[in-house]
PDB file of N, CA and C in Angstrom:
ATOM      1  N   MET A   1       1.175  -1.565   0.232  1.00  0.00           N
ATOM      2  CA  MET A   1       0.060  -0.069   0.356  1.00  0.00           C
ATOM      3  C   MET A   1       0.608   1.140   0.305  1.00  0.00           C
ATOM      4  N   LYS A   2       0.406   1.886  -0.891  1.00  0.00           N
ATOM      5  CA  LYS A   2       1.399   3.422  -0.756  1.00  0.00           C
ATOM      6  C   LYS A   2       0.741   4.567  -0.482  1.00  0.00           C
ATOM      7  N   LEU A   3       0.983   5.155   0.530  1.00  0.00           N
ATOM      8  CA  LEU A   3       0.510   6.360   1.057  1.00  0.00           C
ATOM      9  C   LEU A   3       1.007   7.788   0.543  1.00  0.00           C
ATOM     10  N   GLY A   4      -0.074   8.746   0.772  1.00  0.00           N
ATOM     11  CA  GLY A   4       0.483  10.003   0.259  1.00  0.00           C
ATOM     12  C   GLY A   4      -0.004  11.421   1.338  1.00  0.00           C
ATOM     13  N   VAL A   5       0.487  12.463   1.389  1.00  0.00           N
ATOM     14  CA  VAL A   5       0.189  13.426   2.347  1.00  0.00           C
ATOM     15  C   VAL A   5      -0.574  14.664   1.313  1.00  0.00           C
ATOM     16  N   ARG A   6      -1.913  14.884   1.542  1.00  0.00           N
ATOM     17  CA  ARG A   6      -2.145  15.705   0.968  1.00  0.00           C
ATOM     18  C   ARG A   6      -2.992  17.081   1.389  1.00  0.00           C
ATOM     19  N   ARG A   7      -2.691  18.521   0.940  1.00  0.00           N
ATOM     20  CA  ARG A   7      -3.404  19.775   2.184  1.00  0.00           C
ATOM     21  C   ARG A   7      -5.198  19.494   1.408  1.00  0.00           C
ATOM     22  N   ASN A   8      -6.007  19.425   2.632  1.00  0.00           N
ATOM     23  CA  ASN A   8      -7.182  19.671   2.217  1.00  0.00           C
ATOM     24  C   ASN A   8      -7.810  20.960   2.897  1.00  0.00           C
ATOM     25  N   ASP A   9      -7.783  22.016   2.129  1.00  0.00           N
ATOM     26  CA  ASP A   9      -7.917  23.314   2.758  1.00  0.00           C
ATOM     27  C   ASP A   9      -9.486  23.184   2.770  1.00  0.00           C
ATOM     28  N   SER A  10     -10.324  22.985   2.237  1.00  0.00           N
ATOM     29  CA  SER A  10     -11.922  23.121   2.652  1.00  0.00           C
ATOM     30  C   SER A  10     -12.141  22.592   4.056  1.00  0.00           C
ATOM     31  N   GLU A  11     -11.407  21.431   4.386  1.00  0.00           N
ATOM     32  CA  GLU A  11     -11.547  20.822   5.751  1.00  0.00           C
ATOM     33  C   GLU A  11     -10.256  20.888   6.662  1.00  0.00           C
ATOM     34  N   ARG A  12      -9.809  21.978   6.183  1.00  0.00           N
ATOM     35  CA  ARG A  12      -8.337  22.953   6.983  1.00  0.00           C
ATOM     36  C   ARG A  12      -7.863  21.598   8.202  1.00  0.00           C
ATOM     37  N   ARG A  13      -7.203  20.789   6.786  1.00  0.00           N
ATOM     38  CA  ARG A  13      -6.601  19.910   7.847  1.00  0.00           C
ATOM     39  C   ARG A  13      -5.683  18.825   6.335  1.00  0.00           C
ATOM     40  N   TYR A  14      -4.765  18.361   6.740  1.00  0.00           N
ATOM     41  CA  TYR A  14      -3.784  17.560   6.299  1.00  0.00           C
ATOM     42  C   TYR A  14      -4.023  16.120   6.245  1.00  0.00           C
ATOM     43  N   GLU A  15      -4.452  15.431   5.245  1.00  0.00           N
ATOM     44  CA  GLU A  15      -4.724  14.249   5.321  1.00  0.00           C
ATOM     45  C   GLU A  15      -3.493  12.976   4.663  1.00  0.00           C
ATOM     46  N   LEU A  16      -3.940  11.571   5.648  1.00  0.00           N
ATOM     47  CA  LEU A  16      -2.954  10.683   5.052  1.00  0.00           C
ATOM     48  C   LEU A  16      -3.309   9.760   4.440  1.00  0.00           C
ATOM     49  N   VAL A  17      -3.525   9.371   2.719  1.00  0.00           N
ATOM     50  CA  VAL A  17      -4.583   8.550   2.203  1.00  0.00           C
ATOM     51  C   VAL A  17      -3.724   7.484   1.389  1.00  0.00           C
ATOM     52  N   SER A  18      -4.325   6.390   1.287  1.00  0.00           N
ATOM     53  CA  SER A  18      -3.720   5.201   0.439  1.00  0.00           C
ATOM     54  C   SER A  18      -3.923   5.617  -1.034  1.00  0.00           C
ATOM     55  N   ASP A  19      -2.930   4.844  -1.781  1.00  0.00           N
ATOM     56  CA  ASP A  19      -3.773   4.453  -3.136  1.00  0.00           C
ATOM     57  C   ASP A  19      -4.801   4.234  -3.491  1.00  0.00           C
ATOM     58  N   GLU A  20      -5.176   3.839  -2.985  1.00  0.00           N
ATOM     59  CA  GLU A  20      -6.968   3.344  -3.039  1.00  0.00           C
ATOM     60  C   GLU A  20      -7.929   4.018  -2.578  1.00  0.00           C
ATOM     61  N   GLY A  21      -7.549   5.521  -1.651  1.00  0.00           N
ATOM     62  CA  GLY A  21      -8.128   6.105  -1.470  1.00  0.00           C
ATOM     63  C   GLY A  21      -8.665   6.287   0.276  1.00  0.00           C
ATOM     64  N   GLU A  22      -8.448   5.072   0.926  1.00  0.00           N
ATOM     65  CA  GLU A  22      -8.751   5.356   2.219  1.00  0.00           C
ATOM     66  C   GLU A  22      -8.090   6.125   2.850  1.00  0.00           C
ATOM     67  N   LEU A  23      -8.834   6.815   4.051  1.00  0.00           N
ATOM     68  CA  LEU A  23      -8.303   7.928   4.980  1.00  0.00           C
ATOM     69  C   LEU A  23      -7.504   7.319   5.841  1.00  0.00           C
ATOM     70  N   ILE A  24      -6.013   7.452   6.495  1.00  0.00           N
ATOM     71  CA  ILE A  24      -5.123   7.213   7.129  1.00  0.00           C
ATOM     72  C   ILE A  24      -5.067   7.588   8.148  1.00  0.00           C
ATOM     73  N   GLY A  25      -5.211   8.722   8.491  1.00  0.00           N
ATOM     74  CA  GLY A  25      -5.237   9.775   9.618  1.00  0.00           C
ATOM     75  C   GLY A  25      -5.303  11.129   8.640  1.00  0.00           C
ATOM     76  N   LEU A  26      -5.230  11.993   9.630  1.00  0.00           N
ATOM     77  CA  LEU A  26      -5.771  13.247   9.692  1.00  0.00           C
ATOM     78  C   LEU A  26      -4.718  14.423  10.768  1.00  0.00           C
ATOM     79  N   ILE A  27      -4.549  15.259  10.253  1.00  0.00           N
ATOM     80  CA  ILE A  27      -3.851  16.876  10.766  1.00  0.00           C
ATOM     81  C   ILE A  27      -4.558  17.705  10.956  1.00  0.00           C
ATOM     82  N   ASP A  28      -5.472  18.237  12.037  1.00  0.00           N
ATOM     83  CA  ASP A  28      -6.515  19.262  11.634  1.00  0.00           C
ATOM     84  C   ASP A  28      -5.330  20.560  12.272  1.00  0.00           C
ATOM     85  N   TYR A  29      -5.653  21.719  11.418  1.00  0.00           N
ATOM     86  CA  TYR A  29      -5.066  23.051  11.080  1.00  0.00           C
ATOM     87  C   TYR A  29      -5.800  23.905  11.428  1.00  0.00           C
ATOM     88  N   ARG A  30      -5.235  25.269  12.124  1.00  0.00           N
ATOM     89  CA  ARG A  30      -5.830  26.646  11.475  1.00  0.00           C
ATOM     90  C   ARG A  30      -4.829  27.674  11.323  1.00  0.00           C
ATOM     91  N   VAL A  31      -4.932  28.452  10.577  1.00  0.00           N
ATOM     92  CA  VAL A  31      -4.119  29.878  10.061  1.00  0.00           C
ATOM     93  C   VAL A  31      -4.682  31.128  10.653  1.00  0.00           C
ATOM     94  N   THR A  32      -3.774  31.808  11.318  1.00  0.00           N
ATOM     95  CA  THR A  32      -3.996  32.854  11.763  1.00  0.00           C
ATOM     96  C   THR A  32      -2.578  33.659  11.561  1.00  0.00           C
ATOM     97  N   ASP A  33      -3.115  34.603  10.640  1.00  0.00           N
ATOM     98  CA  ASP A  33      -1.806  35.594  10.110  1.00  0.00           C
ATOM     99  C   ASP A  33      -0.739  34.664   9.662  1.00  0.00           C
ATOM    100  N   SER A  34       0.419  34.898   9.773  1.00  0.00           N
ATOM    101  CA  SER A  34       1.474  33.884   8.613  1.00  0.00           C
ATOM    102  C   SER A  34       1.501  32.670  10.298  1.00  0.00           C
ATOM    103  N   VAL A  35       0.642  32.148  10.563  1.00  0.00           N
ATOM    104  CA  VAL A  35       1.194  31.080  11.659  1.00  0.00           C
ATOM    105  C   VAL A  35      -0.064  29.888  11.389  1.00  0.00           C
ATOM    106  N   ILE A  36       0.556  28.868  10.962  1.00  0.00           N
ATOM    107  CA  ILE A  36      -0.357  27.662  10.895  1.00  0.00           C
ATOM    108  C   ILE A  36      -0.227  26.924  12.191  1.00  0.00           C
ATOM    109  N   ASP A  37      -1.589  26.642  12.952  1.00  0.00           N
ATOM    110  CA  ASP A  37      -1.252  26.167  14.533  1.00  0.00           C
ATOM    111  C   ASP A  37      -1.695  24.617  14.310  1.00  0.00           C
ATOM    112  N   LEU A  38      -0.937  23.441  14.307  1.00  0.00           N
ATOM    113  CA  LEU A  38      -1.325  21.913  14.092  1.00  0.00           C
ATOM    114  C   LEU A  38      -1.758  21.514  15.305  1.00  0.00           C
ATOM    115  N   PHE A  39      -3.013  21.727  15.701  1.00  0.00           N
ATOM    116  CA  PHE A  39      -3.719  21.585  16.398  1.00  0.00           C
ATOM    117  C   PHE A  39      -3.852  19.842  17.161  1.00  0.00           C
ATOM    118  N   HIS A  40      -4.180  19.437  16.456  1.00  0.00           N
ATOM    119  CA  HIS A  40      -5.192  17.769  16.392  1.00  0.00           C
ATOM    120  C   HIS A  40      -4.458  16.783  15.295  1.00  0.00           C
ATOM    121  N   ALA A  41      -4.034  15.878  15.876  1.00  0.00           N
ATOM    122  CA  ALA A  41      -3.698  14.827  14.845  1.00  0.00           C
ATOM    123  C   ALA A  41      -4.406  13.531  15.079  1.00  0.00           C
ATOM    124  N   GLU A  42      -4.717  12.395  14.375  1.00  0.00           N
ATOM    125  CA  GLU A  42      -4.845  11.034  14.410  1.00  0.00           C
ATOM    126  C   GLU A  42      -5.059  10.277  12.995  1.00  0.00           C
ATOM    127  N   THR A  43      -4.859   9.119  13.582  1.00  0.00           N
ATOM    128  CA  THR A  43      -4.562   8.008  12.514  1.00  0.00           C
ATOM    129  C   THR A  43      -5.604   7.144  12.766  1.00  0.00           C
ATOM    130  N   ASN A  44      -6.058   5.808  12.201  1.00  0.00           N
ATOM    131  CA  ASN A  44      -7.213   5.066  12.240  1.00  0.00           C
ATOM    132  C   ASN A  44      -6.456   4.053  12.939  1.00  0.00           C
ATOM    133  N   PRO A  45      -7.096   3.617  14.063  1.00  0.00           N
ATOM    134  CA  PRO A  45      -6.497   2.807  14.711  1.00  0.00           C
ATOM    135  C   PRO A  45      -6.240   1.025  13.955  1.00  0.00           C
ATOM    136  N   ALA A  46      -6.567   0.919  13.234  1.00  0.00           N
ATOM    137  CA  ALA A  46      -6.645  -0.128  12.506  1.00  0.00           C
ATOM    138  C   ALA A  46      -4.732  -0.132  11.488  1.00  0.00           C
ATOM    139  N   HIS A  47      -4.341   0.946  11.791  1.00  0.00           N
ATOM    140  CA  HIS A  47      -3.303   1.203  11.144  1.00  0.00           C
ATOM    141  C   HIS A  47      -2.255   1.582  12.020  1.00  0.00           C
ATOM    142  N   GLY A  48      -2.484   1.696  13.652  1.00  0.00           N
ATOM    143  CA  GLY A  48      -1.629   2.372  14.344  1.00  0.00           C
ATOM    144  C   GLY A  48      -0.489   1.529  14.399  1.00  0.00           C
ATOM    145  N   GLY A  49       1.058   1.930  15.274  1.00  0.00           N
ATOM    146  CA  GLY A  49       1.979   1.190  15.241  1.00  0.00           C
ATOM    147  C   GLY A  49       3.192   0.832  13.786  1.00  0.00           C
ATOM    148  N   LYS A  50       2.409   1.558  12.708  1.00  0.00           N
ATOM    149  CA  LYS A  50       3.136   1.537  11.515  1.00  0.00           C
ATOM    150  C   LYS A  50       4.370   2.828  11.406  1.00  0.00           C
ATOM    151  N   GLY A  51       4.137   3.634  12.049  1.00  0.00           N
ATOM    152  CA  GLY A  51       4.652   5.585  11.746  1.00  0.00           C
ATOM    153  C   GLY A  51       4.054   5.746  10.684  1.00  0.00           C
ATOM    154  N   TYR A  52       2.886   5.439  10.432  1.00  0.00           N
ATOM    155  CA  TYR A  52       2.295   6.359   9.520  1.00  0.00           C
ATOM    156  C   TYR A  52       1.799   8.181  10.119  1.00  0.00           C
ATOM    157  N   GLY A  53       1.565   8.037  11.248  1.00  0.00           N
ATOM    158  CA  GLY A  53       1.643   9.150  11.862  1.00  0.00           C
ATOM    159  C   GLY A  53       2.426  10.347  11.621  1.00  0.00           C
ATOM    160  N   SER A  54       4.177   9.535  12.214  1.00  0.00           N
ATOM    161  CA  SER A  54       5.068  10.000  11.602  1.00  0.00           C
ATOM    162  C   SER A  54       5.268  10.837  10.264  1.00  0.00           C
ATOM    163  N   GLN A  55       4.882   9.439   9.587  1.00  0.00           N
ATOM    164  CA  GLN A  55       5.008  10.245   7.589  1.00  0.00           C
ATOM    165  C   GLN A  55       3.817  11.059   7.481  1.00  0.00           C
ATOM    166  N   MET A  56       3.052  11.418   8.227  1.00  0.00           N
ATOM    167  CA  MET A  56       1.771  12.180   8.124  1.00  0.00           C
ATOM    168  C   MET A  56       2.155  14.100   8.502  1.00  0.00           C
ATOM    169  N   VAL A  57       2.767  13.895   9.454  1.00  0.00           N
ATOM    170  CA  VAL A  57       3.298  15.204  10.351  1.00  0.00           C
ATOM    171  C   VAL A  57       4.804  15.091   8.926  1.00  0.00           C
ATOM    172  N   GLU A  58       5.425  14.708   8.487  1.00  0.00           N
ATOM    173  CA  GLU A  58       6.546  14.683   7.837  1.00  0.00           C
ATOM    174  C   GLU A  58       6.157  15.365   6.309  1.00  0.00           C
ATOM    175  N   GLY A  59       5.270  15.098   5.496  1.00  0.00           N
ATOM    176  CA  GLY A  59       4.593  15.170   4.793  1.00  0.00           C
ATOM    177  C   GLY A  59       4.027  16.574   4.540  1.00  0.00           C
ATOM    178  N   ALA A  60       3.383  16.935   6.168  1.00  0.00           N
ATOM    179  CA  ALA A  60       2.121  18.232   6.144  1.00  0.00           C
ATOM    180  C   ALA A  60       3.596  19.259   6.558  1.00  0.00           C
ATOM    181  N   LEU A  61       4.313  19.026   7.057  1.00  0.00           N
ATOM    182  CA  LEU A  61       5.603  19.962   7.162  1.00  0.00           C
ATOM    183  C   LEU A  61       6.293  20.410   5.652  1.00  0.00           C
ATOM    184  N   ASP A  62       6.369  19.321   5.235  1.00  0.00           N
ATOM    185  CA  ASP A  62       7.223  19.404   4.209  1.00  0.00           C
ATOM    186  C   ASP A  62       6.185  20.382   2.708  1.00  0.00           C
ATOM    187  N   ASP A  63       5.257  20.175   3.000  1.00  0.00           N
ATOM    188  CA  ASP A  63       3.951  21.163   2.247  1.00  0.00           C
ATOM    189  C   ASP A  63       4.299  22.712   3.103  1.00  0.00           C
ATOM    190  N   ILE A  64       4.043  22.456   4.603  1.00  0.00           N
ATOM    191  CA  ILE A  64       4.695  23.822   4.828  1.00  0.00           C
ATOM    192  C   ILE A  64       5.414  24.930   4.596  1.00  0.00           C
ATOM    193  N   ARG A  65       6.400  24.034   4.289  1.00  0.00           N
ATOM    194  CA  ARG A  65       7.870  24.437   3.943  1.00  0.00           C
ATOM    195  C   ARG A  65       8.142  24.877   2.340  1.00  0.00           C
ATOM    196  N   ALA A  66       7.566  24.014   1.878  1.00  0.00           N
ATOM    197  CA  ALA A  66       6.974  24.580   0.249  1.00  0.00           C
ATOM    198  C   ALA A  66       6.208  25.335  -0.176  1.00  0.00           C
ATOM    199  N   ARG A  67       5.039  26.048   0.620  1.00  0.00           N
ATOM    200  CA  ARG A  67       4.733  27.019   0.441  1.00  0.00           C
ATOM    201  C   ARG A  67       4.973  28.369   0.948  1.00  0.00           C
ATOM    202  N   GLY A  68       5.869  28.491   1.762  1.00  0.00           N
ATOM    203  CA  GLY A  68       6.656  29.567   2.625  1.00  0.00           C
ATOM    204  C   GLY A  68       5.858  30.346   2.900  1.00  0.00           C
ATOM    205  N   GLY A  69       6.485  30.998   4.146  1.00  0.00           N
ATOM    206  CA  GLY A  69       5.418  32.704   4.971  1.00  0.00           C
ATOM    207  C   GLY A  69       4.927  32.006   6.140  1.00  0.00           C
ATOM    208  N   LEU A  70       4.895  31.050   6.346  1.00  0.00           N
ATOM    209  CA  LEU A  70       4.463  30.186   7.417  1.00  0.00           C
ATOM    210  C   LEU A  70       5.032  29.721   8.467  1.00  0.00           C
ATOM    211  N   SER A  71       4.845  29.878   9.886  1.00  0.00           N
ATOM    212  CA  SER A  71       5.905  29.355  10.740  1.00  0.00           C
ATOM    213  C   SER A  71       4.693  28.657  11.401  1.00  0.00           C
ATOM    214  N   VAL A  72       5.355  27.479  12.372  1.00  0.00           N
ATOM    215  CA  VAL A  72       4.001  26.437  12.770  1.00  0.00           C
ATOM    216  C   VAL A  72       3.980  26.459  14.068  1.00  0.00           C
ATOM    217  N   ARG A  73       3.416  26.260  14.473  1.00  0.00           N
ATOM    218  CA  ARG A  73       2.478  26.167  16.087  1.00  0.00           C
ATOM    219  C   ARG A  73       2.387  24.595  16.603  1.00  0.00           C
ATOM    220  N   ALA A  74       2.632  24.072  17.104  1.00  0.00           N
ATOM    221  CA  ALA A  74       2.465  22.612  17.451  1.00  0.00           C
ATOM    222  C   ALA A  74       1.436  22.459  18.642  1.00  0.00           C
ATOM    223  N   SER A  75       0.631  23.164  18.202  1.00  0.00           N
ATOM    224  CA  SER A  75      -0.222  22.452  19.888  1.00  0.00           C
ATOM    225  C   SER A  75      -0.481  21.144  20.305  1.00  0.00           C
ATOM    226  N   CYS A  76      -0.697  20.132  18.681  1.00  0.00           N
ATOM    227  CA  CYS A  76      -0.716  18.793  18.680  1.00  0.00           C
ATOM    228  C   CYS A  76       0.440  18.043  19.732  1.00  0.00           C
ATOM    229  N   SER A  77       0.259  17.137  20.485  1.00  0.00           N
ATOM    230  CA  SER A  77       1.549  16.799  21.737  1.00  0.00           C
ATOM    231  C   SER A  77       1.921  15.702  20.519  1.00  0.00           C
ATOM    232  N   PHE A  78       1.239  14.971  19.582  1.00  0.00           N
ATOM    233  CA  PHE A  78       1.713  14.408  18.795  1.00  0.00           C
ATOM    234  C   PHE A  78       3.218  15.009  18.131  1.00  0.00           C
ATOM    235  N   VAL A  79       2.043  16.165  17.229  1.00  0.00           N
ATOM    236  CA  VAL A  79       3.219  17.012  16.352  1.00  0.00           C
ATOM    237  C   VAL A  79       4.334  17.225  16.999  1.00  0.00           C
ATOM    238  N   ALA A  80       4.065  18.141  18.530  1.00  0.00           N
ATOM    239  CA  ALA A  80       5.299  18.693  19.117  1.00  0.00           C
ATOM    240  C   ALA A  80       6.316  17.700  19.319  1.00  0.00           C
ATOM    241  N   ASP A  81       6.091  16.699  19.601  1.00  0.00           N
ATOM    242  CA  ASP A  81       7.054  15.060  20.051  1.00  0.00           C
ATOM    243  C   ASP A  81       7.629  15.038  18.477  1.00  0.00           C
ATOM    244  N   PHE A  82       6.966  15.396  17.629  1.00  0.00           N
ATOM    245  CA  PHE A  82       7.820  14.825  16.014  1.00  0.00           C
ATOM    246  C   PHE A  82       9.086  16.132  16.322  1.00  0.00           C
ATOM    247  N   PHE A  83       8.776  16.812  16.118  1.00  0.00           N
ATOM    248  CA  PHE A  83      10.154  18.355  16.391  1.00  0.00           C
ATOM    249  C   PHE A  83      11.217  17.715  17.302  1.00  0.00           C
ATOM    250  N   ASP A  84      10.544  17.216  18.035  1.00  0.00           N
ATOM    251  CA  ASP A  84      11.202  16.965  19.217  1.00  0.00           C
ATOM    252  C   ASP A  84      12.886  15.983  18.455  1.00  0.00           C
ATOM    253  N   LYS A  85      12.316  15.207  17.825  1.00  0.00           N
ATOM    254  CA  LYS A  85      12.613  13.920  17.449  1.00  0.00           C
ATOM    255  C   LYS A  85      12.750  14.438  16.450  1.00  0.00           C
ATOM    256  N   HIS A  86      13.034  15.734  15.262  1.00  0.00           N
ATOM    257  CA  HIS A  86      13.158  16.218  14.009  1.00  0.00           C
ATOM    258  C   HIS A  86      13.581  17.355  14.116  1.00  0.00           C
ATOM    259  N   PRO A  87      15.179  17.426  14.412  1.00  0.00           N
ATOM    260  CA  PRO A  87      15.836  18.837  15.004  1.00  0.00           C
ATOM    261  C   PRO A  87      15.648  19.610  13.138  1.00  0.00           C
ATOM    262  N   GLU A  88      15.516  19.010  12.252  1.00  0.00           N
ATOM    263  CA  GLU A  88      15.848  19.393  10.791  1.00  0.00           C
ATOM    264  C   GLU A  88      14.373  20.195  10.235  1.00  0.00           C
ATOM    265  N   TYR A  89      13.713  20.006  10.832  1.00  0.00           N
ATOM    266  CA  TYR A  89      12.301  20.912  11.142  1.00  0.00           C
ATOM    267  C   TYR A  89      12.034  21.894  12.139  1.00  0.00           C
ATOM    268  N   ALA A  90      13.026  22.322  12.857  1.00  0.00           N
ATOM    269  CA  ALA A  90      13.125  23.320  13.296  1.00  0.00           C
ATOM    270  C   ALA A  90      12.513  24.844  13.484  1.00  0.00           C
ATOM    271  N   ASP A  91      13.431  24.793  11.862  1.00  0.00           N
ATOM    272  CA  ASP A  91      13.296  26.303  11.559  1.00  0.00           C
ATOM    273  C   ASP A  91      11.751  26.627  10.890  1.00  0.00           C
ATOM    274  N   LEU A  92      10.959  25.760  11.002  1.00  0.00           N
ATOM    275  CA  LEU A  92       9.586  25.506  11.000  1.00  0.00           C
ATOM    276  C   LEU A  92       8.956  26.593  11.986  1.00  0.00           C
ATOM    277  N   LEU A  93       9.333  26.610  13.433  1.00  0.00           N
ATOM    278  CA  LEU A  93       8.558  26.667  14.499  1.00  0.00           C
ATOM    279  C   LEU A  93       8.683  28.208  14.731  1.00  0.00           C
TER     280      LEU A  93
END
């Protein structure tokens, strides 16, 4: 199964989806001025323990970096833990 991360602006979330269209996980966000707050992340319990949550956060942060002009607030503890383990993304905070 191949996975991809997409930004869904109408739902204000990033989604981790399979190549078959299954929603595996999501990160809810809100944007205020030049700050994007990643405030809630979850993965489907059926897919837990496979590293998909980290893959989803990485994909979201890569998209935010590519867009430019936004800094990240990691209100979600899972996202905050990701930043602690991946200092290569610290420039986004």
